[in-house]
């Protein structure tokens, strides 16, 4: 695997790490909880009705909310790791 492949993979990972919190926030999975009137709120309502009034632990809605709630911390940590990797690869050149 060549250097350009490593850079492409690192760049793709960086976009995913930064993009995931933005996308989750845009649909309503925020660090403060599920936003009122959002697509996420509709998902939560549907999941709760299907499960007898509660959202099941481990369901898609629960997992996305957990990621959305921790998104800023995860993005900062992972972004620093990806950035460090790219700097290390650049130093090899």
PDB file of N, CA and C in Angstrom:
ATOM      1  N   UNK A   1       0.854  -1.168   0.000  1.00  0.00           N
ATOM      2  CA  UNK A   1       0.000   0.000   0.000  1.00  0.00           C
ATOM      3  C   UNK A   1       0.897   1.228   0.000  1.00  0.00           C
ATOM      4  N   UNK A   2       0.651   2.141  -0.911  1.00  0.00           N
ATOM      5  CA  UNK A   2       1.488   3.313  -1.057  1.00  0.00           C
ATOM      6  C   UNK A   2       1.100   4.454  -0.142  1.00  0.00           C
ATOM      7  N   UNK A   3       1.931   5.473  -0.154  1.00  0.00           N
ATOM      8  CA  UNK A   3       1.713   6.645   0.685  1.00  0.00           C
ATOM      9  C   UNK A   3       0.408   7.345   0.335  1.00  0.00           C
ATOM     10  N   UNK A   4       0.092   7.441  -0.949  1.00  0.00           N
ATOM     11  CA  UNK A   4      -1.155   8.092  -1.350  1.00  0.00           C
ATOM     12  C   UNK A   4      -2.371   7.329  -0.825  1.00  0.00           C
ATOM     13  N   UNK A   5      -2.270   6.010  -0.762  1.00  0.00           N
ATOM     14  CA  UNK A   5      -3.368   5.221  -0.209  1.00  0.00           C
ATOM     15  C   UNK A   5      -3.576   5.541   1.267  1.00  0.00           C
ATOM     16  N   UNK A   6      -2.466   5.636   2.013  1.00  0.00           N
ATOM     17  CA  UNK A   6      -2.560   5.983   3.429  1.00  0.00           C
ATOM     18  C   UNK A   6      -3.165   7.363   3.620  1.00  0.00           C
ATOM     19  N   UNK A   7      -2.750   8.313   2.788  1.00  0.00           N
ATOM     20  CA  UNK A   7      -3.291   9.667   2.890  1.00  0.00           C
ATOM     21  C   UNK A   7      -4.778   9.699   2.551  1.00  0.00           C
ATOM     22  N   UNK A   8      -5.182   8.928   1.544  1.00  0.00           N
ATOM     23  CA  UNK A   8      -6.596   8.876   1.167  1.00  0.00           C
ATOM     24  C   UNK A   8      -7.440   8.265   2.283  1.00  0.00           C
ATOM     25  N   UNK A   9      -6.929   7.207   2.887  1.00  0.00           N
ATOM     26  CA  UNK A   9      -7.645   6.558   3.987  1.00  0.00           C
ATOM     27  C   UNK A   9      -7.732   7.511   5.178  1.00  0.00           C
ATOM     28  N   UNK A  10      -6.640   8.171   5.503  1.00  0.00           N
ATOM     29  CA  UNK A  10      -6.633   9.131   6.613  1.00  0.00           C
ATOM     30  C   UNK A  10      -7.575  10.291   6.359  1.00  0.00           C
ATOM     31  N   UNK A  11      -7.588  10.793   5.133  1.00  0.00           N
ATOM     32  CA  UNK A  11      -8.496  11.882   4.785  1.00  0.00           C
ATOM     33  C   UNK A  11      -9.951  11.459   4.868  1.00  0.00           C
ATOM     34  N   UNK A  12     -10.239  10.253   4.392  1.00  0.00           N
ATOM     35  CA  UNK A  12     -11.600   9.735   4.475  1.00  0.00           C
ATOM     36  C   UNK A  12     -12.045   9.550   5.915  1.00  0.00           C
ATOM     37  N   UNK A  13     -11.146   9.065   6.749  1.00  0.00           N
ATOM     38  CA  UNK A  13     -11.462   8.895   8.166  1.00  0.00           C
ATOM     39  C   UNK A  13     -11.726  10.240   8.825  1.00  0.00           C
ATOM     40  N   UNK A  14     -10.933  11.238   8.475  1.00  0.00           N
ATOM     41  CA  UNK A  14     -11.119  12.574   9.047  1.00  0.00           C
ATOM     42  C   UNK A  14     -12.476  13.149   8.658  1.00  0.00           C
ATOM     43  N   UNK A  15     -12.865  12.969   7.408  1.00  0.00           N
ATOM     44  CA  UNK A  15     -14.171  13.457   6.952  1.00  0.00           C
ATOM     45  C   UNK A  15     -15.294  12.740   7.693  1.00  0.00           C
ATOM     46  N   UNK A  16     -15.159  11.442   7.887  1.00  0.00           N
ATOM     47  CA  UNK A  16     -16.188  10.670   8.593  1.00  0.00           C
ATOM     48  C   UNK A  16     -16.299  11.108  10.051  1.00  0.00           C
ATOM     49  N   UNK A  17     -15.161  11.326  10.683  1.00  0.00           N
ATOM     50  CA  UNK A  17     -15.147  11.717  12.095  1.00  0.00           C
ATOM     51  C   UNK A  17     -15.773  13.093  12.287  1.00  0.00           C
ATOM     52  N   UNK A  18     -15.458  14.006  11.403  1.00  0.00           N
ATOM     53  CA  UNK A  18     -16.005  15.357  11.509  1.00  0.00           C
ATOM     54  C   UNK A  18     -17.441  15.396  10.994  1.00  0.00           C
ATOM     55  N   UNK A  19     -17.744  14.634   9.964  1.00  0.00           N
ATOM     56  CA  UNK A  19     -19.063  14.668   9.350  1.00  0.00           C
ATOM     57  C   UNK A  19     -20.152  13.987  10.155  1.00  0.00           C
ATOM     58  N   UNK A  20     -19.821  12.935  10.880  1.00  0.00           N
ATOM     59  CA  UNK A  20     -20.838  12.185  11.633  1.00  0.00           C
ATOM     60  C   UNK A  20     -21.562  13.057  12.660  1.00  0.00           C
ATOM     61  N   UNK A  21     -20.852  13.805  13.496  1.00  0.00           N
ATOM     62  CA  UNK A  21     -21.572  14.662  14.457  1.00  0.00           C
ATOM     63  C   UNK A  21     -22.432  15.727  13.775  1.00  0.00           C
ATOM     64  N   UNK A  22     -21.960  16.239  12.662  1.00  0.00           N
ATOM     65  CA  UNK A  22     -22.728  17.252  11.938  1.00  0.00           C
ATOM     66  C   UNK A  22     -24.015  16.639  11.397  1.00  0.00           C
ATOM     67  N   UNK A  23     -23.905  15.471  10.794  1.00  0.00           N
ATOM     68  CA  UNK A  23     -25.077  14.793  10.240  1.00  0.00           C
ATOM     69  C   UNK A  23     -26.059  14.406  11.342  1.00  0.00           C
ATOM     70  N   UNK A  24     -25.560  13.833  12.424  1.00  0.00           N
ATOM     71  CA  UNK A  24     -26.449  13.440  13.519  1.00  0.00           C
ATOM     72  C   UNK A  24     -27.154  14.653  14.115  1.00  0.00           C
ATOM     73  N   UNK A  25     -26.426  15.743  14.287  1.00  0.00           N
ATOM     74  CA  UNK A  25     -27.034  16.974  14.802  1.00  0.00           C
ATOM     75  C   UNK A  25     -28.086  17.521  13.858  1.00  0.00           C
ATOM     76  N   UNK A  26     -27.834  17.416  12.563  1.00  0.00           N
ATOM     77  CA  UNK A  26     -28.776  17.936  11.567  1.00  0.00           C
ATOM     78  C   UNK A  26     -30.115  17.196  11.583  1.00  0.00           C
ATOM     79  N   UNK A  27     -30.091  15.914  11.905  1.00  0.00           N
ATOM     80  CA  UNK A  27     -31.349  15.161  11.945  1.00  0.00           C
ATOM     81  C   UNK A  27     -31.968  15.138  13.342  1.00  0.00           C
ATOM     82  N   UNK A  28     -31.282  15.733  14.332  1.00  0.00           N
ATOM     83  CA  UNK A  28     -31.877  15.892  15.649  1.00  0.00           C
ATOM     84  C   UNK A  28     -31.261  15.137  16.799  1.00  0.00           C
ATOM     85  N   UNK A  29     -30.192  14.378  16.566  1.00  0.00           N
ATOM     86  CA  UNK A  29     -29.507  13.676  17.663  1.00  0.00           C
ATOM     87  C   UNK A  29     -28.405  14.594  18.180  1.00  0.00           C
ATOM     88  N   UNK A  30     -28.707  15.393  19.208  1.00  0.00           N
ATOM     89  CA  UNK A  30     -27.773  16.410  19.684  1.00  0.00           C
ATOM     90  C   UNK A  30     -27.177  16.032  21.036  1.00  0.00           C
ATOM     91  N   UNK A  31     -26.191  16.803  21.467  1.00  0.00           N
ATOM     92  CA  UNK A  31     -25.574  16.559  22.767  1.00  0.00           C
ATOM     93  C   UNK A  31     -26.545  16.844  23.909  1.00  0.00           C
ATOM     94  N   UNK A  32     -27.583  17.637  23.646  1.00  0.00           N
ATOM     95  CA  UNK A  32     -28.582  17.959  24.667  1.00  0.00           C
ATOM     96  C   UNK A  32     -29.781  17.009  24.634  1.00  0.00           C
ATOM     97  N   UNK A  33     -29.759  16.032  23.746  1.00  0.00           N
ATOM     98  CA  UNK A  33     -30.876  15.106  23.618  1.00  0.00           C
ATOM     99  C   UNK A  33     -31.495  15.213  22.238  1.00  0.00           C
ATOM    100  N   UNK A  34     -32.611  14.561  22.052  1.00  0.00           N
ATOM    101  CA  UNK A  34     -33.292  14.583  20.754  1.00  0.00           C
ATOM    102  C   UNK A  34     -34.056  15.897  20.619  1.00  0.00           C
ATOM    103  N   UNK A  35     -33.818  16.595  19.510  1.00  0.00           N
ATOM    104  CA  UNK A  35     -34.424  17.898  19.271  1.00  0.00           C
ATOM    105  C   UNK A  35     -35.918  17.765  18.967  1.00  0.00           C
ATOM    106  N   UNK A  36     -36.706  18.644  19.577  1.00  0.00           N
ATOM    107  CA  UNK A  36     -38.152  18.650  19.388  1.00  0.00           C
ATOM    108  C   UNK A  36     -38.493  18.910  17.922  1.00  0.00           C
ATOM    109  N   UNK A  37     -39.415  18.124  17.362  1.00  0.00           N
ATOM    110  CA  UNK A  37     -39.886  18.324  16.003  1.00  0.00           C
ATOM    111  C   UNK A  37     -38.941  17.858  14.908  1.00  0.00           C
ATOM    112  N   UNK A  38     -37.857  17.218  15.279  1.00  0.00           N
ATOM    113  CA  UNK A  38     -36.854  16.787  14.304  1.00  0.00           C
ATOM    114  C   UNK A  38     -37.181  15.400  13.756  1.00  0.00           C
ATOM    115  N   UNK A  39     -36.424  15.002  12.754  1.00  0.00           N
ATOM    116  CA  UNK A  39     -36.533  13.659  12.203  1.00  0.00           C
ATOM    117  C   UNK A  39     -36.251  12.624  13.299  1.00  0.00           C
ATOM    118  N   UNK A  40     -35.274  12.926  14.155  1.00  0.00           N
ATOM    119  CA  UNK A  40     -34.936  12.020  15.262  1.00  0.00           C
ATOM    120  C   UNK A  40     -36.111  11.865  16.216  1.00  0.00           C
ATOM    121  N   UNK A  41     -36.849  12.946  16.446  1.00  0.00           N
ATOM    122  CA  UNK A  41     -38.020  12.876  17.324  1.00  0.00           C
ATOM    123  C   UNK A  41     -39.083  11.953  16.723  1.00  0.00           C
ATOM    124  N   UNK A  42     -39.255  12.025  15.410  1.00  0.00           N
ATOM    125  CA  UNK A  42     -40.191  11.123  14.742  1.00  0.00           C
ATOM    126  C   UNK A  42     -39.763   9.674  14.869  1.00  0.00           C
ATOM    127  N   UNK A  43     -38.440   9.438  14.717  1.00  0.00           N
ATOM    128  CA  UNK A  43     -37.917   8.074  14.873  1.00  0.00           C
ATOM    129  C   UNK A  43     -38.162   7.570  16.293  1.00  0.00           C
ATOM    130  N   UNK A  44     -37.914   8.456  17.269  1.00  0.00           N
ATOM    131  CA  UNK A  44     -38.088   8.073  18.664  1.00  0.00           C
ATOM    132  C   UNK A  44     -39.550   7.752  18.958  1.00  0.00           C
ATOM    133  N   UNK A  45     -40.457   8.563  18.448  1.00  0.00           N
ATOM    134  CA  UNK A  45     -41.884   8.330  18.652  1.00  0.00           C
ATOM    135  C   UNK A  45     -42.315   6.996  18.059  1.00  0.00           C
ATOM    136  N   UNK A  46     -41.877   6.724  16.853  1.00  0.00           N
ATOM    137  CA  UNK A  46     -42.227   5.464  16.189  1.00  0.00           C
ATOM    138  C   UNK A  46     -41.670   4.269  16.960  1.00  0.00           C
ATOM    139  N   UNK A  47     -40.422   4.387  17.416  1.00  0.00           N
ATOM    140  CA  UNK A  47     -39.801   3.295  18.177  1.00  0.00           C
ATOM    141  C   UNK A  47     -40.529   3.062  19.491  1.00  0.00           C
ATOM    142  N   UNK A  48     -40.935   4.153  20.152  1.00  0.00           N
ATOM    143  CA  UNK A  48     -41.631   4.021  21.432  1.00  0.00           C
ATOM    144  C   UNK A  48     -43.002   3.375  21.251  1.00  0.00           C
ATOM    145  N   UNK A  49     -43.730   3.786  20.230  1.00  0.00           N
ATOM    146  CA  UNK A  49     -45.049   3.195  19.972  1.00  0.00           C
ATOM    147  C   UNK A  49     -44.907   1.703  19.662  1.00  0.00           C
ATOM    148  N   UNK A  50     -43.899   1.358  18.864  1.00  0.00           N
ATOM    149  CA  UNK A  50     -43.691  -0.044  18.486  1.00  0.00           C
ATOM    150  C   UNK A  50     -43.274  -0.907  19.668  1.00  0.00           C
ATOM    151  N   UNK A  51     -42.690  -0.254  20.693  1.00  0.00           N
ATOM    152  CA  UNK A  51     -42.178  -1.012  21.840  1.00  0.00           C
ATOM    153  C   UNK A  51     -43.049  -0.830  23.086  1.00  0.00           C
ATOM    154  N   UNK A  52     -44.258  -0.380  22.915  1.00  0.00           N
ATOM    155  CA  UNK A  52     -45.161  -0.261  24.065  1.00  0.00           C
ATOM    156  C   UNK A  52     -44.925   0.952  24.938  1.00  0.00           C
ATOM    157  N   UNK A  53     -44.329   1.997  24.406  1.00  0.00           N
ATOM    158  CA  UNK A  53     -44.174   3.243  25.161  1.00  0.00           C
ATOM    159  C   UNK A  53     -42.762   3.619  25.548  1.00  0.00           C
ATOM    160  N   UNK A  54     -41.804   2.765  25.309  1.00  0.00           N
ATOM    161  CA  UNK A  54     -40.418   3.075  25.658  1.00  0.00           C
ATOM    162  C   UNK A  54     -39.512   2.724  24.484  1.00  0.00           C
ATOM    163  N   UNK A  55     -38.392   3.408  24.415  1.00  0.00           N
ATOM    164  CA  UNK A  55     -37.393   3.093  23.387  1.00  0.00           C
ATOM    165  C   UNK A  55     -36.494   2.002  23.947  1.00  0.00           C
ATOM    166  N   UNK A  56     -36.372   0.917  23.222  1.00  0.00           N
ATOM    167  CA  UNK A  56     -35.575  -0.222  23.692  1.00  0.00           C
ATOM    168  C   UNK A  56     -34.089   0.116  23.708  1.00  0.00           C
ATOM    169  N   UNK A  57     -33.412  -0.289  24.762  1.00  0.00           N
ATOM    170  CA  UNK A  57     -31.964  -0.129  24.833  1.00  0.00           C
ATOM    171  C   UNK A  57     -31.327  -0.933  23.709  1.00  0.00           C
ATOM    172  N   UNK A  58     -30.372  -0.327  23.034  1.00  0.00           N
ATOM    173  CA  UNK A  58     -29.688  -1.012  21.944  1.00  0.00           C
ATOM    174  C   UNK A  58     -30.378  -0.862  20.607  1.00  0.00           C
ATOM    175  N   UNK A  59     -31.536  -0.201  20.577  1.00  0.00           N
ATOM    176  CA  UNK A  59     -32.231   0.018  19.308  1.00  0.00           C
ATOM    177  C   UNK A  59     -31.479   1.066  18.490  1.00  0.00           C
ATOM    178  N   UNK A  60     -31.856   1.203  17.235  1.00  0.00           N
ATOM    179  CA  UNK A  60     -31.201   2.179  16.358  1.00  0.00           C
ATOM    180  C   UNK A  60     -31.288   3.579  16.943  1.00  0.00           C
ATOM    181  N   UNK A  61     -32.460   3.953  17.437  1.00  0.00           N
ATOM    182  CA  UNK A  61     -32.644   5.288  18.010  1.00  0.00           C
ATOM    183  C   UNK A  61     -31.741   5.467  19.232  1.00  0.00           C
ATOM    184  N   UNK A  62     -31.696   4.474  20.093  1.00  0.00           N
ATOM    185  CA  UNK A  62     -30.874   4.573  21.300  1.00  0.00           C
ATOM    186  C   UNK A  62     -29.387   4.688  20.962  1.00  0.00           C
ATOM    187  N   UNK A  63     -28.941   3.908  20.006  1.00  0.00           N
ATOM    188  CA  UNK A  63     -27.524   3.945  19.614  1.00  0.00           C
ATOM    189  C   UNK A  63     -27.174   5.287  18.975  1.00  0.00           C
ATOM    190  N   UNK A  64     -28.029   5.775  18.057  1.00  0.00           N
ATOM    191  CA  UNK A  64     -27.757   7.064  17.427  1.00  0.00           C
ATOM    192  C   UNK A  64     -27.764   8.198  18.440  1.00  0.00           C
ATOM    193  N   UNK A  65     -28.664   8.145  19.427  1.00  0.00           N
ATOM    194  CA  UNK A  65     -28.679   9.190  20.453  1.00  0.00           C
ATOM    195  C   UNK A  65     -27.428   9.130  21.319  1.00  0.00           C
ATOM    196  N   UNK A  66     -26.978   7.939  21.640  1.00  0.00           N
ATOM    197  CA  UNK A  66     -25.743   7.807  22.422  1.00  0.00           C
ATOM    198  C   UNK A  66     -24.562   8.390  21.657  1.00  0.00           C
ATOM    199  N   UNK A  67     -24.502   8.123  20.369  1.00  0.00           N
ATOM    200  CA  UNK A  67     -23.418   8.678  19.546  1.00  0.00           C
ATOM    201  C   UNK A  67     -23.561  10.193  19.458  1.00  0.00           C
ATOM    202  N   UNK A  68     -24.780  10.675  19.239  1.00  0.00           N
ATOM    203  CA  UNK A  68     -25.013  12.117  19.156  1.00  0.00           C
ATOM    204  C   UNK A  68     -24.662  12.828  20.450  1.00  0.00           C
ATOM    205  N   UNK A  69     -24.962  12.210  21.589  1.00  0.00           N
ATOM    206  CA  UNK A  69     -24.662  12.815  22.884  1.00  0.00           C
ATOM    207  C   UNK A  69     -23.165  12.905  23.142  1.00  0.00           C
ATOM    208  N   UNK A  70     -22.417  11.963  22.622  1.00  0.00           N
ATOM    209  CA  UNK A  70     -20.970  11.937  22.841  1.00  0.00           C
ATOM    210  C   UNK A  70     -20.193  12.430  21.631  1.00  0.00           C
ATOM    211  N   UNK A  71     -20.883  12.916  20.618  1.00  0.00           N
ATOM    212  CA  UNK A  71     -20.256  13.229  19.332  1.00  0.00           C
ATOM    213  C   UNK A  71     -19.116  14.223  19.436  1.00  0.00           C
ATOM    214  N   UNK A  72     -19.274  15.268  20.209  1.00  0.00           N
ATOM    215  CA  UNK A  72     -18.215  16.273  20.281  1.00  0.00           C
ATOM    216  C   UNK A  72     -16.945  15.722  20.906  1.00  0.00           C
ATOM    217  N   UNK A  73     -17.081  14.936  21.943  1.00  0.00           N
ATOM    218  CA  UNK A  73     -15.911  14.343  22.601  1.00  0.00           C
ATOM    219  C   UNK A  73     -15.233  13.342  21.679  1.00  0.00           C
ATOM    220  N   UNK A  74     -16.025  12.489  21.050  1.00  0.00           N
ATOM    221  CA  UNK A  74     -15.485  11.475  20.149  1.00  0.00           C
ATOM    222  C   UNK A  74     -14.815  12.129  18.945  1.00  0.00           C
ATOM    223  N   UNK A  75     -15.464  13.126  18.373  1.00  0.00           N
ATOM    224  CA  UNK A  75     -14.913  13.793  17.196  1.00  0.00           C
ATOM    225  C   UNK A  75     -13.593  14.475  17.527  1.00  0.00           C
ATOM    226  N   UNK A  76     -13.519  15.119  18.676  1.00  0.00           N
ATOM    227  CA  UNK A  76     -12.279  15.801  19.055  1.00  0.00           C
ATOM    228  C   UNK A  76     -11.149  14.799  19.268  1.00  0.00           C
ATOM    229  N   UNK A  77     -11.438  13.710  19.960  1.00  0.00           N
ATOM    230  CA  UNK A  77     -10.411  12.703  20.225  1.00  0.00           C
ATOM    231  C   UNK A  77      -9.955  12.014  18.948  1.00  0.00           C
ATOM    232  N   UNK A  78     -10.917  11.575  18.163  1.00  0.00           N
ATOM    233  CA  UNK A  78     -10.582  10.872  16.926  1.00  0.00           C
ATOM    234  C   UNK A  78      -9.933  11.812  15.923  1.00  0.00           C
ATOM    235  N   UNK A  79     -10.399  13.044  15.877  1.00  0.00           N
ATOM    236  CA  UNK A  79      -9.805  14.025  14.969  1.00  0.00           C
ATOM    237  C   UNK A  79      -8.353  14.281  15.304  1.00  0.00           C
ATOM    238  N   UNK A  80      -8.037  14.336  16.584  1.00  0.00           N
ATOM    239  CA  UNK A  80      -6.647  14.523  16.993  1.00  0.00           C
ATOM    240  C   UNK A  80      -5.800  13.318  16.587  1.00  0.00           C
ATOM    241  N   UNK A  81      -6.372  12.127  16.716  1.00  0.00           N
ATOM    242  CA  UNK A  81      -5.646  10.921  16.318  1.00  0.00           C
ATOM    243  C   UNK A  81      -5.391  10.863  14.830  1.00  0.00           C
ATOM    244  N   UNK A  82      -6.416  11.185  14.052  1.00  0.00           N
ATOM    245  CA  UNK A  82      -6.259  11.188  12.593  1.00  0.00           C
ATOM    246  C   UNK A  82      -5.264  12.269  12.179  1.00  0.00           C
ATOM    247  N   UNK A  83      -5.372  13.437  12.801  1.00  0.00           N
ATOM    248  CA  UNK A  83      -4.444  14.523  12.488  1.00  0.00           C
ATOM    249  C   UNK A  83      -3.010  14.137  12.796  1.00  0.00           C
ATOM    250  N   UNK A  84      -2.800  13.502  13.932  1.00  0.00           N
ATOM    251  CA  UNK A  84      -1.457  13.054  14.293  1.00  0.00           C
ATOM    252  C   UNK A  84      -0.911  12.033  13.319  1.00  0.00           C
ATOM    253  N   UNK A  85      -1.776  11.148  12.868  1.00  0.00           N
ATOM    254  CA  UNK A  85      -1.366  10.144  11.880  1.00  0.00           C
ATOM    255  C   UNK A  85      -0.949  10.803  10.576  1.00  0.00           C
ATOM    256  N   UNK A  86      -1.743  11.758  10.124  1.00  0.00           N
ATOM    257  CA  UNK A  86      -1.417  12.435   8.867  1.00  0.00           C
ATOM    258  C   UNK A  86      -0.119  13.235   8.968  1.00  0.00           C
ATOM    259  N   UNK A  87       0.113  13.857  10.116  1.00  0.00           N
ATOM    260  CA  UNK A  87       1.374  14.593  10.321  1.00  0.00           C
ATOM    261  C   UNK A  87       2.542  13.626  10.306  1.00  0.00           C
ATOM    262  N   UNK A  88       2.356  12.471  10.950  1.00  0.00           N
ATOM    263  CA  UNK A  88       3.413  11.461  10.951  1.00  0.00           C
ATOM    264  C   UNK A  88       3.722  10.955   9.550  1.00  0.00           C
ATOM    265  N   UNK A  89       2.680  10.726   8.752  1.00  0.00           N
ATOM    266  CA  UNK A  89       2.898  10.280   7.384  1.00  0.00           C
ATOM    267  C   UNK A  89       3.577  11.366   6.536  1.00  0.00           C
ATOM    268  N   UNK A  90       3.167  12.616   6.762  1.00  0.00           N
ATOM    269  CA  UNK A  90       3.772  13.708   6.021  1.00  0.00           C
ATOM    270  C   UNK A  90       5.254  13.849   6.344  1.00  0.00           C
ATOM    271  N   UNK A  91       5.620  13.534   7.601  1.00  0.00           N
ATOM    272  CA  UNK A  91       7.028  13.636   8.002  1.00  0.00           C
ATOM    273  C   UNK A  91       7.886  12.591   7.301  1.00  0.00           C
ATOM    274  N   UNK A  92       7.257  11.481   6.910  1.00  0.00           N
ATOM    275  CA  UNK A  92       7.999  10.421   6.223  1.00  0.00           C
ATOM    276  C   UNK A  92       8.406  10.867   4.836  1.00  0.00           C
ATOM    277  N   UNK A  93       7.583  11.709   4.225  1.00  0.00           N
ATOM    278  CA  UNK A  93       7.830  12.119   2.836  1.00  0.00           C
ATOM    279  C   UNK A  93       9.135  12.822   2.683  1.00  0.00           C
TER     280      UNK A  93
END
